PDB file of N, CA and C in Angstrom:
ATOM      1  N   MET A   1     123.313   5.510-179.136  1.00  0.00           N
ATOM      2  CA  MET A   1     122.635   4.431-178.889  1.00  0.00           C
ATOM      3  C   MET A   1     123.204   3.381-178.086  1.00  0.00           C
ATOM      4  N   LYS A   2     124.462   3.187-178.302  1.00  0.00           N
ATOM      5  CA  LYS A   2     125.064   2.207-177.524  1.00  0.00           C
ATOM      6  C   LYS A   2     125.008   2.544-175.979  1.00  0.00           C
ATOM      7  N   VAL A   3     125.234   3.767-175.695  1.00  0.00           N
ATOM      8  CA  VAL A   3     125.206   4.107-174.226  1.00  0.00           C
ATOM      9  C   VAL A   3     123.621   3.746-173.572  1.00  0.00           C
ATOM     10  N   GLN A   4     122.751   4.099-174.377  1.00  0.00           N
ATOM     11  CA  GLN A   4     121.399   3.785-173.906  1.00  0.00           C
ATOM     12  C   GLN A   4     121.202   2.274-173.619  1.00  0.00           C
ATOM     13  N   ARG A   5     121.546   1.425-174.574  1.00  0.00           N
ATOM     14  CA  ARG A   5     121.398   0.071-174.416  1.00  0.00           C
ATOM     15  C   ARG A   5     122.200  -0.418-173.394  1.00  0.00           C
ATOM     16  N   LYS A   6     123.157  -0.060-173.025  1.00  0.00           N
ATOM     17  CA  LYS A   6     124.256  -0.403-171.974  1.00  0.00           C
ATOM     18  C   LYS A   6     123.379  -0.284-170.553  1.00  0.00           C
ATOM     19  N   HIS A   7     122.740   1.036-170.479  1.00  0.00           N
ATOM     20  CA  HIS A   7     122.044   1.445-169.274  1.00  0.00           C
ATOM     21  C   HIS A   7     120.696   0.474-169.270  1.00  0.00           C
ATOM     22  N   VAL A   8     120.056   0.134-170.110  1.00  0.00           N
ATOM     23  CA  VAL A   8     118.853  -0.642-169.984  1.00  0.00           C
ATOM     24  C   VAL A   8     119.261  -2.184-169.564  1.00  0.00           C
ATOM     25  N   LEU A   9     120.431  -2.603-170.382  1.00  0.00           N
ATOM     26  CA  LEU A   9     120.907  -3.919-169.885  1.00  0.00           C
ATOM     27  C   LEU A   9     121.480  -3.976-168.421  1.00  0.00           C
ATOM     28  N   ALA A  10     121.940  -2.927-168.109  1.00  0.00           N
ATOM     29  CA  ALA A  10     122.386  -2.948-166.629  1.00  0.00           C
ATOM     30  C   ALA A  10     121.336  -2.897-165.654  1.00  0.00           C
ATOM     31  N   ALA A  11     120.342  -2.071-166.008  1.00  0.00           N
ATOM     32  CA  ALA A  11     119.118  -1.978-165.124  1.00  0.00           C
ATOM     33  C   ALA A  11     118.360  -3.360-165.227  1.00  0.00           C
ATOM     34  N   GLY A  12     118.236  -4.070-166.425  1.00  0.00           N
ATOM     35  CA  GLY A  12     117.640  -5.376-166.312  1.00  0.00           C
ATOM     36  C   GLY A  12     118.404  -6.367-165.496  1.00  0.00           C
ATOM     37  N   VAL A  13     119.744  -6.413-165.727  1.00  0.00           N
ATOM     38  CA  VAL A  13     120.472  -7.274-164.683  1.00  0.00           C
ATOM     39  C   VAL A  13     120.252  -7.029-163.173  1.00  0.00           C
ATOM     40  N   ALA A  14     120.111  -5.707-163.092  1.00  0.00           N
ATOM     41  CA  ALA A  14     120.132  -5.358-161.471  1.00  0.00           C
ATOM     42  C   ALA A  14     118.538  -5.648-160.840  1.00  0.00           C
ATOM     43  N   VAL A  15     117.638  -5.624-161.564  1.00  0.00           N
ATOM     44  CA  VAL A  15     116.365  -6.031-161.399  1.00  0.00           C
ATOM     45  C   VAL A  15     116.254  -7.401-161.142  1.00  0.00           C
ATOM     46  N   VAL A  16     116.917  -8.372-162.017  1.00  0.00           N
ATOM     47  CA  VAL A  16     116.831  -9.756-161.836  1.00  0.00           C
ATOM     48  C   VAL A  16     117.592 -10.222-160.629  1.00  0.00           C
ATOM     49  N   ALA A  17     118.949  -9.540-160.426  1.00  0.00           N
ATOM     50  CA  ALA A  17     119.688  -9.891-159.117  1.00  0.00           C
ATOM     51  C   ALA A  17     119.003  -9.609-157.967  1.00  0.00           C
ATOM     52  N   THR A  18     118.249  -8.399-157.870  1.00  0.00           N
ATOM     53  CA  THR A  18     117.507  -8.174-156.749  1.00  0.00           C
ATOM     54  C   THR A  18     116.372  -9.271-156.399  1.00  0.00           C
ATOM     55  N   ALA A  19     115.747  -9.676-157.553  1.00  0.00           N
ATOM     56  CA  ALA A  19     114.729 -10.516-157.290  1.00  0.00           C
ATOM     57  C   ALA A  19     115.355 -11.736-156.980  1.00  0.00           C
ATOM     58  N   VAL A  20     116.245 -12.154-157.229  1.00  0.00           N
ATOM     59  CA  VAL A  20     116.929 -13.602-157.031  1.00  0.00           C
ATOM     60  C   VAL A  20     117.392 -13.364-155.566  1.00  0.00           C
ATOM     61  N   VAL A  21     117.903 -12.486-155.026  1.00  0.00           N
ATOM     62  CA  VAL A  21     118.312 -12.208-153.597  1.00  0.00           C
ATOM     63  C   VAL A  21     117.181 -12.297-152.737  1.00  0.00           C
ATOM     64  N   ALA A  22     115.893 -11.624-153.140  1.00  0.00           N
ATOM     65  CA  ALA A  22     114.816 -11.600-152.401  1.00  0.00           C
ATOM     66  C   ALA A  22     114.161 -12.881-152.223  1.00  0.00           C
ATOM     67  N   VAL A  23     114.032 -13.672-153.325  1.00  0.00           N
ATOM     68  CA  VAL A  23     113.661 -15.178-153.272  1.00  0.00           C
ATOM     69  C   VAL A  23     114.568 -16.048-152.600  1.00  0.00           C
ATOM     70  N   GLY A  24     115.888 -15.863-152.675  1.00  0.00           N
ATOM     71  CA  GLY A  24     116.883 -16.693-151.862  1.00  0.00           C
ATOM     72  C   GLY A  24     116.911 -16.484-150.457  1.00  0.00           C
ATOM     73  N   THR A  25     116.458 -15.291-149.947  1.00  0.00           N
ATOM     74  CA  THR A  25     116.631 -15.135-148.494  1.00  0.00           C
ATOM     75  C   THR A  25     115.438 -15.180-147.794  1.00  0.00           C
ATOM     76  N   GLY A  26     114.141 -15.421-148.471  1.00  0.00           N
ATOM     77  CA  GLY A  26     112.968 -15.471-147.719  1.00  0.00           C
ATOM     78  C   GLY A  26     112.002 -16.334-148.329  1.00  0.00           C
ATOM     79  N   PHE A  27     111.529 -16.104-149.520  1.00  0.00           N
ATOM     80  CA  PHE A  27     110.525 -17.116-150.145  1.00  0.00           C
ATOM     81  C   PHE A  27     110.849 -18.325-150.369  1.00  0.00           C
ATOM     82  N   GLY A  28     111.984 -18.484-150.958  1.00  0.00           N
ATOM     83  CA  GLY A  28     112.427 -19.734-151.569  1.00  0.00           C
ATOM     84  C   GLY A  28     112.831 -20.818-150.361  1.00  0.00           C
ATOM     85  N   PHE A  29     113.231 -20.369-149.441  1.00  0.00           N
ATOM     86  CA  PHE A  29     113.654 -21.214-148.296  1.00  0.00           C
ATOM     87  C   PHE A  29     112.634 -21.075-146.956  1.00  0.00           C
ATOM     88  N   ALA A  30     111.450 -20.658-147.220  1.00  0.00           N
ATOM     89  CA  ALA A  30     110.645 -20.566-145.921  1.00  0.00           C
ATOM     90  C   ALA A  30     110.405 -21.776-145.144  1.00  0.00           C
ATOM     91  N   ASP A  31     110.388 -22.972-145.855  1.00  0.00           N
ATOM     92  CA  ASP A  31     110.135 -24.218-145.016  1.00  0.00           C
ATOM     93  C   ASP A  31     111.334 -24.517-144.256  1.00  0.00           C
ATOM     94  N   THR A  32     112.683 -24.062-144.269  1.00  0.00           N
ATOM     95  CA  THR A  32     113.681 -24.428-143.466  1.00  0.00           C
ATOM     96  C   THR A  32     113.839 -23.567-142.265  1.00  0.00           C
ATOM     97  N   THR A  33     112.932 -22.377-142.109  1.00  0.00           N
ATOM     98  CA  THR A  33     113.223 -21.548-141.005  1.00  0.00           C
ATOM     99  C   THR A  33     111.857 -21.613-140.133  1.00  0.00           C
ATOM    100  N   PRO A  34     111.854 -21.789-139.030  1.00  0.00           N
ATOM    101  CA  PRO A  34     110.576 -21.992-138.233  1.00  0.00           C
ATOM    102  C   PRO A  34     109.779 -20.638-138.276  1.00  0.00           C
ATOM    103  N   VAL A  35     108.671 -20.370-138.357  1.00  0.00           N
ATOM    104  CA  VAL A  35     107.799 -19.340-138.282  1.00  0.00           C
ATOM    105  C   VAL A  35     107.784 -18.762-136.737  1.00  0.00           C
ATOM    106  N   ARG A  36     107.565 -19.640-136.075  1.00  0.00           N
ATOM    107  CA  ARG A  36     107.441 -19.316-134.542  1.00  0.00           C
ATOM    108  C   ARG A  36     108.695 -19.585-133.893  1.00  0.00           C
ATOM    109  N   GLN A  37     108.983 -18.641-132.955  1.00  0.00           N
ATOM    110  CA  GLN A  37     110.123 -18.972-131.898  1.00  0.00           C
ATOM    111  C   GLN A  37     109.922 -20.039-130.982  1.00  0.00           C
ATOM    112  N   SER A  38     110.783 -20.968-130.857  1.00  0.00           N
ATOM    113  CA  SER A  38     110.639 -22.202-129.874  1.00  0.00           C
ATOM    114  C   SER A  38     111.131 -21.799-128.575  1.00  0.00           C
ATOM    115  N   ALA A  39     110.489 -22.306-127.680  1.00  0.00           N
ATOM    116  CA  ALA A  39     110.863 -22.028-126.278  1.00  0.00           C
ATOM    117  C   ALA A  39     111.886 -22.922-125.683  1.00  0.00           C
ATOM    118  N   CYS A  40     112.276 -23.872-126.681  1.00  0.00           N
ATOM    119  CA  CYS A  40     113.218 -24.764-126.310  1.00  0.00           C
ATOM    120  C   CYS A  40     114.266 -24.955-127.620  1.00  0.00           C
ATOM    121  N   PRO A  41     115.373 -24.443-127.465  1.00  0.00           N
ATOM    122  CA  PRO A  41     116.361 -24.740-128.597  1.00  0.00           C
ATOM    123  C   PRO A  41     116.693 -26.094-128.683  1.00  0.00           C
ATOM    124  N   GLY A  42     117.057 -26.547-129.702  1.00  0.00           N
ATOM    125  CA  GLY A  42     117.668 -27.942-129.827  1.00  0.00           C
ATOM    126  C   GLY A  42     116.483 -29.107-130.065  1.00  0.00           C
ATOM    127  N   ALA A  43     116.961 -30.368-130.000  1.00  0.00           N
ATOM    128  CA  ALA A  43     116.118 -31.342-130.210  1.00  0.00           C
ATOM    129  C   ALA A  43     115.318 -31.923-129.023  1.00  0.00           C
ATOM    130  N   VAL A  44     114.019 -32.520-129.406  1.00  0.00           N
ATOM    131  CA  VAL A  44     113.160 -33.079-128.473  1.00  0.00           C
ATOM    132  C   VAL A  44     113.328 -34.452-128.750  1.00  0.00           C
ATOM    133  N   THR A  45     113.578 -35.097-127.454  1.00  0.00           N
ATOM    134  CA  THR A  45     113.827 -36.718-127.365  1.00  0.00           C
ATOM    135  C   THR A  45     112.715 -37.161-126.508  1.00  0.00           C
ATOM    136  N   PHE A  46     112.713 -38.538-126.281  1.00  0.00           N
ATOM    137  CA  PHE A  46     111.755 -38.868-125.501  1.00  0.00           C
ATOM    138  C   PHE A  46     112.148 -40.181-124.546  1.00  0.00           C
ATOM    139  N   SER A  47     111.273 -40.333-123.492  1.00  0.00           N
ATOM    140  CA  SER A  47     111.614 -41.531-122.548  1.00  0.00           C
ATOM    141  C   SER A  47     110.695 -42.722-122.679  1.00  0.00           C
ATOM    142  N   ALA A  48     110.891 -43.690-122.167  1.00  0.00           N
ATOM    143  CA  ALA A  48     110.079 -44.760-122.534  1.00  0.00           C
ATOM    144  C   ALA A  48     108.675 -44.885-121.598  1.00  0.00           C
ATOM    145  N   GLU A  49     108.632 -43.898-120.604  1.00  0.00           N
ATOM    146  CA  GLU A  49     107.519 -43.912-119.754  1.00  0.00           C
ATOM    147  C   GLU A  49     106.171 -43.910-120.594  1.00  0.00           C
ATOM    148  N   GLY A  50     105.155 -44.691-120.053  1.00  0.00           N
ATOM    149  CA  GLY A  50     103.927 -45.046-120.719  1.00  0.00           C
ATOM    150  C   GLY A  50     102.880 -43.862-120.117  1.00  0.00           C
ATOM    151  N   GLY A  51     101.593 -44.243-120.292  1.00  0.00           N
ATOM    152  CA  GLY A  51     100.488 -43.433-120.140  1.00  0.00           C
ATOM    153  C   GLY A  51     100.130 -42.414-121.078  1.00  0.00           C
ATOM    154  N   ALA A  52      99.202 -41.570-120.810  1.00  0.00           N
ATOM    155  CA  ALA A  52      98.747 -40.584-121.710  1.00  0.00           C
ATOM    156  C   ALA A  52      99.858 -39.512-122.254  1.00  0.00           C
ATOM    157  N   PRO A  53      99.705 -38.878-123.368  1.00  0.00           N
ATOM    158  CA  PRO A  53     100.829 -37.998-123.823  1.00  0.00           C
ATOM    159  C   PRO A  53     101.141 -36.914-122.701  1.00  0.00           C
ATOM    160  N   ALA A  54     102.313 -36.869-122.483  1.00  0.00           N
ATOM    161  CA  ALA A  54     102.928 -36.057-121.320  1.00  0.00           C
ATOM    162  C   ALA A  54     104.364 -35.703-121.637  1.00  0.00           C
ATOM    163  N   ALA A  55     104.899 -34.712-120.657  1.00  0.00           N
ATOM    164  CA  ALA A  55     106.500 -34.351-120.931  1.00  0.00           C
ATOM    165  C   ALA A  55     106.942 -34.036-119.584  1.00  0.00           C
ATOM    166  N   THR A  56     108.244 -34.175-119.519  1.00  0.00           N
ATOM    167  CA  THR A  56     109.025 -33.828-118.208  1.00  0.00           C
ATOM    168  C   THR A  56     109.875 -32.610-118.772  1.00  0.00           C
ATOM    169  N   SER A  57     110.340 -31.809-117.941  1.00  0.00           N
ATOM    170  CA  SER A  57     111.109 -30.610-118.300  1.00  0.00           C
ATOM    171  C   SER A  57     111.814 -30.036-117.081  1.00  0.00           C
ATOM    172  N   ASP A  58     113.088 -29.467-117.527  1.00  0.00           N
ATOM    173  CA  ASP A  58     114.071 -28.856-116.622  1.00  0.00           C
ATOM    174  C   ASP A  58     113.595 -27.327-116.657  1.00  0.00           C
ATOM    175  N   ARG A  59     112.905 -26.931-117.608  1.00  0.00           N
ATOM    176  CA  ARG A  59     112.725 -25.482-117.809  1.00  0.00           C
ATOM    177  C   ARG A  59     111.026 -24.965-117.361  1.00  0.00           C
ATOM    178  N   PHE A  60     110.333 -25.893-117.468  1.00  0.00           N
ATOM    179  CA  PHE A  60     108.957 -25.303-117.223  1.00  0.00           C
ATOM    180  C   PHE A  60     108.458 -26.315-115.927  1.00  0.00           C
ATOM    181  N   PRO A  61     107.439 -25.374-115.134  1.00  0.00           N
ATOM    182  CA  PRO A  61     107.130 -26.160-113.952  1.00  0.00           C
ATOM    183  C   PRO A  61     106.021 -27.286-114.235  1.00  0.00           C
ATOM    184  N   VAL A  62     105.784 -28.246-113.268  1.00  0.00           N
ATOM    185  CA  VAL A  62     104.695 -28.992-113.429  1.00  0.00           C
ATOM    186  C   VAL A  62     103.458 -28.432-113.753  1.00  0.00           C
ATOM    187  N   GLY A  63     102.710 -28.866-114.598  1.00  0.00           N
ATOM    188  CA  GLY A  63     101.338 -28.504-114.915  1.00  0.00           C
ATOM    189  C   GLY A  63     101.334 -27.519-116.376  1.00  0.00           C
ATOM    190  N   THR A  64     102.503 -27.076-116.716  1.00  0.00           N
ATOM    191  CA  THR A  64     102.611 -26.221-117.954  1.00  0.00           C
ATOM    192  C   THR A  64     102.197 -27.018-119.165  1.00  0.00           C
ATOM    193  N   ARG A  65     101.181 -26.345-119.886  1.00  0.00           N
ATOM    194  CA  ARG A  65     101.069 -27.027-121.082  1.00  0.00           C
ATOM    195  C   ARG A  65     101.740 -26.584-122.227  1.00  0.00           C
ATOM    196  N   LEU A  66     102.261 -27.668-123.164  1.00  0.00           N
ATOM    197  CA  LEU A  66     103.142 -27.325-124.196  1.00  0.00           C
ATOM    198  C   LEU A  66     102.486 -27.944-125.636  1.00  0.00           C
ATOM    199  N   ARG A  67     102.772 -27.067-126.546  1.00  0.00           N
ATOM    200  CA  ARG A  67     102.531 -27.883-127.981  1.00  0.00           C
ATOM    201  C   ARG A  67     103.871 -27.951-128.694  1.00  0.00           C
ATOM    202  N   VAL A  68     104.284 -29.104-129.069  1.00  0.00           N
ATOM    203  CA  VAL A  68     105.419 -29.456-129.681  1.00  0.00           C
ATOM    204  C   VAL A  68     105.078 -29.750-131.105  1.00  0.00           C
ATOM    205  N   THR A  69     105.677 -29.121-132.199  1.00  0.00           N
ATOM    206  CA  THR A  69     105.354 -29.294-133.443  1.00  0.00           C
ATOM    207  C   THR A  69     106.705 -29.772-134.133  1.00  0.00           C
ATOM    208  N   ASN A  70     106.514 -30.906-134.809  1.00  0.00           N
ATOM    209  CA  ASN A  70     107.633 -31.421-135.529  1.00  0.00           C
ATOM    210  C   ASN A  70     107.610 -30.740-137.176  1.00  0.00           C
ATOM    211  N   LEU A  71     108.685 -29.921-137.244  1.00  0.00           N
ATOM    212  CA  LEU A  71     108.592 -29.057-138.640  1.00  0.00           C
ATOM    213  C   LEU A  71     108.858 -29.933-139.718  1.00  0.00           C
ATOM    214  N   ASP A  72     109.336 -31.197-139.494  1.00  0.00           N
ATOM    215  CA  ASP A  72     109.592 -31.867-140.956  1.00  0.00           C
ATOM    216  C   ASP A  72     108.263 -32.641-141.366  1.00  0.00           C
ATOM    217  N   ASN A  73     107.348 -32.941-140.608  1.00  0.00           N
ATOM    218  CA  ASN A  73     106.086 -33.556-140.699  1.00  0.00           C
ATOM    219  C   ASN A  73     104.963 -32.850-140.563  1.00  0.00           C
ATOM    220  N   GLY A  74     104.909 -31.805-139.819  1.00  0.00           N
ATOM    221  CA  GLY A  74     103.799 -31.171-139.430  1.00  0.00           C
ATOM    222  C   GLY A  74     103.014 -31.568-138.299  1.00  0.00           C
ATOM    223  N   ARG A  75     103.332 -32.815-137.801  1.00  0.00           N
ATOM    224  CA  ARG A  75     102.647 -33.350-136.689  1.00  0.00           C
ATOM    225  C   ARG A  75     102.845 -32.571-135.343  1.00  0.00           C
ATOM    226  N   VAL A  76     101.698 -32.612-134.517  1.00  0.00           N
ATOM    227  CA  VAL A  76     101.670 -31.701-133.374  1.00  0.00           C
ATOM    228  C   VAL A  76     101.140 -32.510-132.167  1.00  0.00           C
ATOM    229  N   ALA A  77     101.793 -32.399-130.986  1.00  0.00           N
ATOM    230  CA  ALA A  77     101.362 -32.959-129.788  1.00  0.00           C
ATOM    231  C   ALA A  77     101.296 -31.966-128.617  1.00  0.00           C
ATOM    232  N   THR A  78     100.001 -31.916-127.904  1.00  0.00           N
ATOM    233  CA  THR A  78      99.857 -30.928-126.917  1.00  0.00           C
ATOM    234  C   THR A  78      99.897 -31.906-125.674  1.00  0.00           C
ATOM    235  N   VAL A  79     100.827 -31.479-124.816  1.00  0.00           N
ATOM    236  CA  VAL A  79     101.027 -32.110-123.457  1.00  0.00           C
ATOM    237  C   VAL A  79     101.209 -31.301-122.221  1.00  0.00           C
ATOM    238  N   SER A  80     101.133 -31.973-121.100  1.00  0.00           N
ATOM    239  CA  SER A  80     101.288 -31.329-119.794  1.00  0.00           C
ATOM    240  C   SER A  80     102.566 -31.778-119.219  1.00  0.00           C
ATOM    241  N   VAL A  81     103.299 -30.771-118.466  1.00  0.00           N
ATOM    242  CA  VAL A  81     104.504 -31.197-117.918  1.00  0.00           C
ATOM    243  C   VAL A  81     104.087 -31.942-116.520  1.00  0.00           C
ATOM    244  N   THR A  82     104.872 -33.063-116.331  1.00  0.00           N
ATOM    245  CA  THR A  82     104.442 -33.822-115.196  1.00  0.00           C
ATOM    246  C   THR A  82     105.545 -34.027-114.256  1.00  0.00           C
ATOM    247  N   GLY A  83     106.648 -33.384-114.693  1.00  0.00           N
ATOM    248  CA  GLY A  83     107.796 -33.505-113.561  1.00  0.00           C
ATOM    249  C   GLY A  83     109.097 -33.070-114.159  1.00  0.00           C
ATOM    250  N   PRO A  84     110.208 -33.079-113.325  1.00  0.00           N
ATOM    251  CA  PRO A  84     111.477 -32.601-113.818  1.00  0.00           C
ATOM    252  C   PRO A  84     112.320 -33.611-114.659  1.00  0.00           C
ATOM    253  N   SER A  85     113.085 -33.272-115.382  1.00  0.00           N
ATOM    254  CA  SER A  85     113.898 -34.017-116.465  1.00  0.00           C
ATOM    255  C   SER A  85     115.266 -33.353-116.571  1.00  0.00           C
ATOM    256  N   GLY A  86     116.172 -34.000-117.232  1.00  0.00           N
ATOM    257  CA  GLY A  86     117.546 -33.462-117.576  1.00  0.00           C
ATOM    258  C   GLY A  86     117.648 -32.740-118.885  1.00  0.00           C
ATOM    259  N   SER A  87     116.463 -32.450-119.521  1.00  0.00           N
ATOM    260  CA  SER A  87     116.325 -31.689-120.728  1.00  0.00           C
ATOM    261  C   SER A  87     115.288 -30.709-120.728  1.00  0.00           C
ATOM    262  N   CYS A  88     115.210 -29.862-121.826  1.00  0.00           N
ATOM    263  CA  CYS A  88     114.252 -28.765-121.775  1.00  0.00           C
ATOM    264  C   CYS A  88     112.880 -29.453-122.021  1.00  0.00           C
ATOM    265  N   VAL A  89     112.762 -30.435-122.954  1.00  0.00           N
ATOM    266  CA  VAL A  89     111.385 -31.162-123.164  1.00  0.00           C
ATOM    267  C   VAL A  89     111.758 -32.488-123.277  1.00  0.00           C
ATOM    268  N   LEU A  90     111.220 -33.593-122.519  1.00  0.00           N
ATOM    269  CA  LEU A  90     111.414 -34.823-122.780  1.00  0.00           C
ATOM    270  C   LEU A  90     109.971 -35.529-122.916  1.00  0.00           C
ATOM    271  N   LEU A  91     109.469 -35.846-124.021  1.00  0.00           N
ATOM    272  CA  LEU A  91     108.169 -36.465-124.293  1.00  0.00           C
ATOM    273  C   LEU A  91     108.121 -37.972-123.749  1.00  0.00           C
ATOM    274  N   ASN A  92     107.084 -38.375-123.424  1.00  0.00           N
ATOM    275  CA  ASN A  92     106.651 -39.952-123.001  1.00  0.00           C
ATOM    276  C   ASN A  92     106.618 -40.449-124.245  1.00  0.00           C
ATOM    277  N   ALA A  93     106.353 -41.882-124.365  1.00  0.00           N
ATOM    278  CA  ALA A  93     106.272 -42.614-125.623  1.00  0.00           C
ATOM    279  C   ALA A  93     105.041 -42.405-126.184  1.00  0.00           C
ATOM    280  N   ALA A  94     103.783 -42.085-125.619  1.00  0.00           N
ATOM    281  CA  ALA A  94     102.667 -41.778-126.353  1.00  0.00           C
ATOM    282  C   ALA A  94     102.825 -40.411-127.044  1.00  0.00           C
ATOM    283  N   ALA A  95     103.301 -39.308-126.409  1.00  0.00           N
ATOM    284  CA  ALA A  95     103.551 -38.124-127.009  1.00  0.00           C
ATOM    285  C   ALA A  95     104.404 -38.071-128.224  1.00  0.00           C
ATOM    286  N   MET A  96     105.437 -38.955-128.027  1.00  0.00           N
ATOM    287  CA  MET A  96     106.517 -38.972-129.282  1.00  0.00           C
ATOM    288  C   MET A  96     105.730 -39.698-130.192  1.00  0.00           C
ATOM    289  N   GLU A  97     105.051 -40.670-129.977  1.00  0.00           N
ATOM    290  CA  GLU A  97     104.400 -41.263-131.200  1.00  0.00           C
ATOM    291  C   GLU A  97     103.672 -40.504-132.001  1.00  0.00           C
ATOM    292  N   LEU A  98     102.956 -39.427-131.322  1.00  0.00           N
ATOM    293  CA  LEU A  98     102.114 -38.239-132.135  1.00  0.00           C
ATOM    294  C   LEU A  98     102.873 -37.483-133.009  1.00  0.00           C
ATOM    295  N   VAL A  99     104.182 -37.320-132.646  1.00  0.00           N
ATOM    296  CA  VAL A  99     104.987 -36.274-133.450  1.00  0.00           C
ATOM    297  C   VAL A  99     106.175 -36.790-134.159  1.00  0.00           C
ATOM    298  N   ARG A 100     106.490 -38.045-134.004  1.00  0.00           N
ATOM    299  CA  ARG A 100     107.856 -38.431-134.615  1.00  0.00           C
ATOM    300  C   ARG A 100     107.531 -39.051-136.009  1.00  0.00           C
ATOM    301  N   GLU A 101     108.582 -39.199-136.752  1.00  0.00           N
ATOM    302  CA  GLU A 101     108.548 -39.899-137.950  1.00  0.00           C
ATOM    303  C   GLU A 101     108.792 -41.324-137.730  1.00  0.00           C
ATOM    304  N   PRO A 102     108.378 -42.149-138.540  1.00  0.00           N
ATOM    305  CA  PRO A 102     108.684 -43.636-138.186  1.00  0.00           C
ATOM    306  C   PRO A 102     110.283 -43.859-138.233  1.00  0.00           C
ATOM    307  N   GLY A 103     110.526 -44.725-137.181  1.00  0.00           N
ATOM    308  CA  GLY A 103     111.928 -44.953-137.050  1.00  0.00           C
ATOM    309  C   GLY A 103     112.886 -44.146-136.414  1.00  0.00           C
ATOM    310  N   LYS A 104     112.358 -42.792-136.025  1.00  0.00           N
ATOM    311  CA  LYS A 104     113.136 -41.902-135.471  1.00  0.00           C
ATOM    312  C   LYS A 104     112.762 -41.519-133.912  1.00  0.00           C
ATOM    313  N   ASN A 105     113.568 -41.494-133.099  1.00  0.00           N
ATOM    314  CA  ASN A 105     113.399 -41.173-131.500  1.00  0.00           C
ATOM    315  C   ASN A 105     113.824 -39.830-131.304  1.00  0.00           C
ATOM    316  N   VAL A 106     114.079 -39.022-132.193  1.00  0.00           N
ATOM    317  CA  VAL A 106     114.459 -37.632-131.915  1.00  0.00           C
ATOM    318  C   VAL A 106     113.761 -36.700-132.855  1.00  0.00           C
ATOM    319  N   VAL A 107     113.427 -35.495-132.488  1.00  0.00           N
ATOM    320  CA  VAL A 107     112.800 -34.467-133.384  1.00  0.00           C
ATOM    321  C   VAL A 107     113.680 -33.416-133.460  1.00  0.00           C
ATOM    322  N   ARG A 108     114.362 -33.271-134.291  1.00  0.00           N
ATOM    323  CA  ARG A 108     115.445 -32.131-134.345  1.00  0.00           C
ATOM    324  C   ARG A 108     114.913 -30.867-134.913  1.00  0.00           C
ATOM    325  N   ARG A 109     114.217 -30.838-135.787  1.00  0.00           N
ATOM    326  CA  ARG A 109     113.521 -29.557-136.223  1.00  0.00           C
ATOM    327  C   ARG A 109     112.183 -29.415-135.482  1.00  0.00           C
ATOM    328  N   ASN A 110     112.154 -28.671-134.584  1.00  0.00           N
ATOM    329  CA  ASN A 110     110.824 -28.666-133.808  1.00  0.00           C
ATOM    330  C   ASN A 110     110.619 -27.094-133.360  1.00  0.00           C
ATOM    331  N   VAL A 111     109.221 -27.016-132.988  1.00  0.00           N
ATOM    332  CA  VAL A 111     108.804 -25.661-132.024  1.00  0.00           C
ATOM    333  C   VAL A 111     108.159 -26.061-130.977  1.00  0.00           C
ATOM    334  N   VAL A 112     108.640 -25.670-129.917  1.00  0.00           N
ATOM    335  CA  VAL A 112     107.849 -25.913-128.613  1.00  0.00           C
ATOM    336  C   VAL A 112     107.218 -24.723-128.196  1.00  0.00           C
ATOM    337  N   GLU A 113     106.025 -24.443-127.928  1.00  0.00           N
ATOM    338  CA  GLU A 113     105.242 -23.433-127.472  1.00  0.00           C
ATOM    339  C   GLU A 113     104.508 -23.526-126.131  1.00  0.00           C
ATOM    340  N   VAL A 114     104.585 -22.444-125.458  1.00  0.00           N
ATOM    341  CA  VAL A 114     103.840 -22.621-124.061  1.00  0.00           C
ATOM    342  C   VAL A 114     102.431 -22.208-124.443  1.00  0.00           C
ATOM    343  N   LEU A 115     101.529 -22.879-123.903  1.00  0.00           N
ATOM    344  CA  LEU A 115     100.000 -22.701-124.107  1.00  0.00           C
ATOM    345  C   LEU A 115      99.687 -21.835-122.857  1.00  0.00           C
ATOM    346  N   ARG A 116      98.817 -20.904-123.015  1.00  0.00           N
ATOM    347  CA  ARG A 116      98.421 -20.154-121.851  1.00  0.00           C
ATOM    348  C   ARG A 116      96.852 -20.476-121.774  1.00  0.00           C
TER     349      ARG A 116
END
């Protein structure tokens, strides 16, 4: 009888350990990992340029449409690239206002997608 109980207990522990690992590596921390791959690694910043929501970029040609999503608050801005800059994506003031959190001028957790 003792041998059987030990095997049942060991099997139960193995099942619980497997469930904890599965939850800890995917389901429990899903909000910290972007679902989509970003076209620009790193933070999105802004310039004080006025006008309609737009962006400048050193990676995308003028006229490219981009969707910038702030993963911390879920806010989204769709912009067109209007010229070159020194960073992957530099939003103007109007575009940054659409995605940023109050008092912050940098969107560190973001996804930048090229729209076709």
